[in-house]
Amino acid sequence: MENGNLDKVIHDSRIDRSRWDLSERVDVLVSVSRGLVYLHSEYDFPIVHCDLKPSNILLNEKWNVHVSDFGTARILGVHHQD
């Protein structure tokens, strides 16, 4: 993504954090939360990310949030017999 990931925004001293006021931070949190709600409830079976961290939160050119890296994701209910 064009603006990297949230880990870079938090820890890279070269990033201008002046745009990251409380409102912007809340917007990021709400976007991540909406993404997780979608994964957990909008399919026939819930998908659980299992590795959510700042480096897996990507930011595009408009600073929109995208949850990434589903390598450890679990699809709940698929392997259960009961």
C-alpha atoms as a PDB file:
ATOM      1  CA  MET A   1       0.000   0.000   0.000  1.00  0.00           C
ATOM      2  CA  GLU A   2       1.108   3.516  -0.774  1.00  0.00           C
ATOM      3  CA  ASN A   3       1.326   4.720   2.837  1.00  0.00           C
ATOM      4  CA  GLY A   4       2.756   1.551   4.315  1.00  0.00           C
ATOM      5  CA  ASN A   5       1.365   0.115   7.504  1.00  0.00           C
ATOM      6  CA  LEU A   6       0.274   1.349  10.891  1.00  0.00           C
ATOM      7  CA  ASP A   7       3.439   0.027  12.547  1.00  0.00           C
ATOM      8  CA  LYS A   8       5.490   2.369  10.348  1.00  0.00           C
ATOM      9  CA  VAL A   9       3.252   5.320  11.228  1.00  0.00           C
ATOM     10  CA  ILE A  10       3.623   4.591  14.936  1.00  0.00           C
ATOM     11  CA  HIS A  11       7.378   3.881  15.072  1.00  0.00           C
ATOM     12  CA  ASP A  12       9.113   5.544  12.094  1.00  0.00           C
ATOM     13  CA  SER A  13      10.546   8.902  13.205  1.00  0.00           C
ATOM     14  CA  ARG A  14      10.512  10.164   9.595  1.00  0.00           C
ATOM     15  CA  ILE A  15       6.712  10.055   9.456  1.00  0.00           C
ATOM     16  CA  ASP A  16       4.904  13.346  10.057  1.00  0.00           C
ATOM     17  CA  ARG A  17       2.480  12.476  12.848  1.00  0.00           C
ATOM     18  CA  SER A  18       0.856  15.907  12.921  1.00  0.00           C
ATOM     19  CA  ARG A  19      -2.038  14.541  10.822  1.00  0.00           C
ATOM     20  CA  TRP A  20      -2.655  11.778  13.385  1.00  0.00           C
ATOM     21  CA  ASP A  21      -4.873  13.648  15.813  1.00  0.00           C
ATOM     22  CA  LEU A  22      -7.370  11.863  18.047  1.00  0.00           C
ATOM     23  CA  SER A  23     -10.072  11.926  15.372  1.00  0.00           C
ATOM     24  CA  GLU A  24      -7.785  10.260  12.792  1.00  0.00           C
ATOM     25  CA  ARG A  25      -6.767   7.590  15.289  1.00  0.00           C
ATOM     26  CA  VAL A  26     -10.393   6.836  16.144  1.00  0.00           C
ATOM     27  CA  ASP A  27     -11.197   6.585  12.411  1.00  0.00           C
ATOM     28  CA  VAL A  28      -8.446   3.977  12.004  1.00  0.00           C
ATOM     29  CA  LEU A  29      -9.736   2.002  14.999  1.00  0.00           C
ATOM     30  CA  VAL A  30     -13.311   2.100  13.693  1.00  0.00           C
ATOM     31  CA  SER A  31     -12.188   0.966  10.216  1.00  0.00           C
ATOM     32  CA  VAL A  32     -10.220  -1.970  11.636  1.00  0.00           C
ATOM     33  CA  SER A  33     -13.186  -2.889  13.839  1.00  0.00           C
ATOM     34  CA  ARG A  34     -15.572  -2.814  10.884  1.00  0.00           C
ATOM     35  CA  GLY A  35     -13.232  -5.070   8.934  1.00  0.00           C
ATOM     36  CA  LEU A  36     -13.164  -7.586  11.775  1.00  0.00           C
ATOM     37  CA  VAL A  37     -16.943  -7.490  12.166  1.00  0.00           C
ATOM     38  CA  TYR A  38     -17.222  -8.229   8.450  1.00  0.00           C
ATOM     39  CA  LEU A  39     -14.879 -11.213   8.753  1.00  0.00           C
ATOM     40  CA  HIS A  40     -16.608 -12.531  11.857  1.00  0.00           C
ATOM     41  CA  SER A  41     -20.216 -12.195  10.742  1.00  0.00           C
ATOM     42  CA  GLU A  42     -20.772 -11.600   7.023  1.00  0.00           C
ATOM     43  CA  TYR A  43     -19.956 -15.107   5.760  1.00  0.00           C
ATOM     44  CA  ASP A  44     -21.682 -18.465   6.282  1.00  0.00           C
ATOM     45  CA  PHE A  45     -18.786 -19.228   8.642  1.00  0.00           C
ATOM     46  CA  PRO A  46     -16.769 -16.836  10.847  1.00  0.00           C
ATOM     47  CA  ILE A  47     -13.173 -16.016   9.917  1.00  0.00           C
ATOM     48  CA  VAL A  48     -10.862 -15.103  12.808  1.00  0.00           C
ATOM     49  CA  HIS A  49      -7.660 -13.240  11.874  1.00  0.00           C
ATOM     50  CA  CYS A  50      -5.482 -14.583  14.764  1.00  0.00           C
ATOM     51  CA  ASP A  51      -2.546 -12.197  14.131  1.00  0.00           C
ATOM     52  CA  LEU A  52      -3.913  -8.658  14.228  1.00  0.00           C
ATOM     53  CA  LYS A  53      -1.107  -6.148  14.856  1.00  0.00           C
ATOM     54  CA  PRO A  54      -0.084  -2.709  13.530  1.00  0.00           C
ATOM     55  CA  SER A  55       2.136  -4.169  10.786  1.00  0.00           C
ATOM     56  CA  ASN A  56      -0.926  -6.002   9.378  1.00  0.00           C
ATOM     57  CA  ILE A  57      -2.953  -2.788   9.108  1.00  0.00           C
ATOM     58  CA  LEU A  58      -2.172  -1.302   5.687  1.00  0.00           C
ATOM     59  CA  LEU A  59      -2.895   2.295   4.602  1.00  0.00           C
ATOM     60  CA  ASN A  60      -3.630   3.202   0.987  1.00  0.00           C
ATOM     61  CA  GLU A  61      -3.033   6.500  -0.833  1.00  0.00           C
ATOM     62  CA  LYS A  62      -6.074   8.079   0.867  1.00  0.00           C
ATOM     63  CA  TRP A  63      -5.053   6.658   4.265  1.00  0.00           C
ATOM     64  CA  ASN A  64      -7.923   4.168   4.161  1.00  0.00           C
ATOM     65  CA  VAL A  65      -7.370   1.078   6.288  1.00  0.00           C
ATOM     66  CA  HIS A  66      -6.995  -2.480   4.957  1.00  0.00           C
ATOM     67  CA  VAL A  67      -6.526  -5.521   7.205  1.00  0.00           C
ATOM     68  CA  SER A  68      -3.913  -7.881   5.745  1.00  0.00           C
ATOM     69  CA  ASP A  69      -1.975 -11.124   6.332  1.00  0.00           C
ATOM     70  CA  PHE A  70      -4.438 -13.924   6.874  1.00  0.00           C
ATOM     71  CA  GLY A  71      -1.737 -16.603   7.034  1.00  0.00           C
ATOM     72  CA  THR A  72      -2.838 -17.664  10.514  1.00  0.00           C
ATOM     73  CA  ALA A  73      -6.559 -17.020  10.039  1.00  0.00           C
ATOM     74  CA  ARG A  74      -8.985 -19.666  11.196  1.00  0.00           C
ATOM     75  CA  ILE A  75     -12.311 -20.524   9.639  1.00  0.00           C
ATOM     76  CA  LEU A  76     -14.429 -21.493  12.613  1.00  0.00           C
ATOM     77  CA  GLY A  77     -16.822 -24.406  12.474  1.00  0.00           C
ATOM     78  CA  VAL A  78     -15.368 -26.065   9.376  1.00  0.00           C
ATOM     79  CA  HIS A  79     -13.519 -28.848  11.206  1.00  0.00           C
ATOM     80  CA  HIS A  80     -15.949 -29.401  14.054  1.00  0.00           C
ATOM     81  CA  GLN A  81     -18.081 -32.553  13.922  1.00  0.00           C
ATOM     82  CA  ASP A  82     -20.398 -31.488  16.731  1.00  0.00           C
END
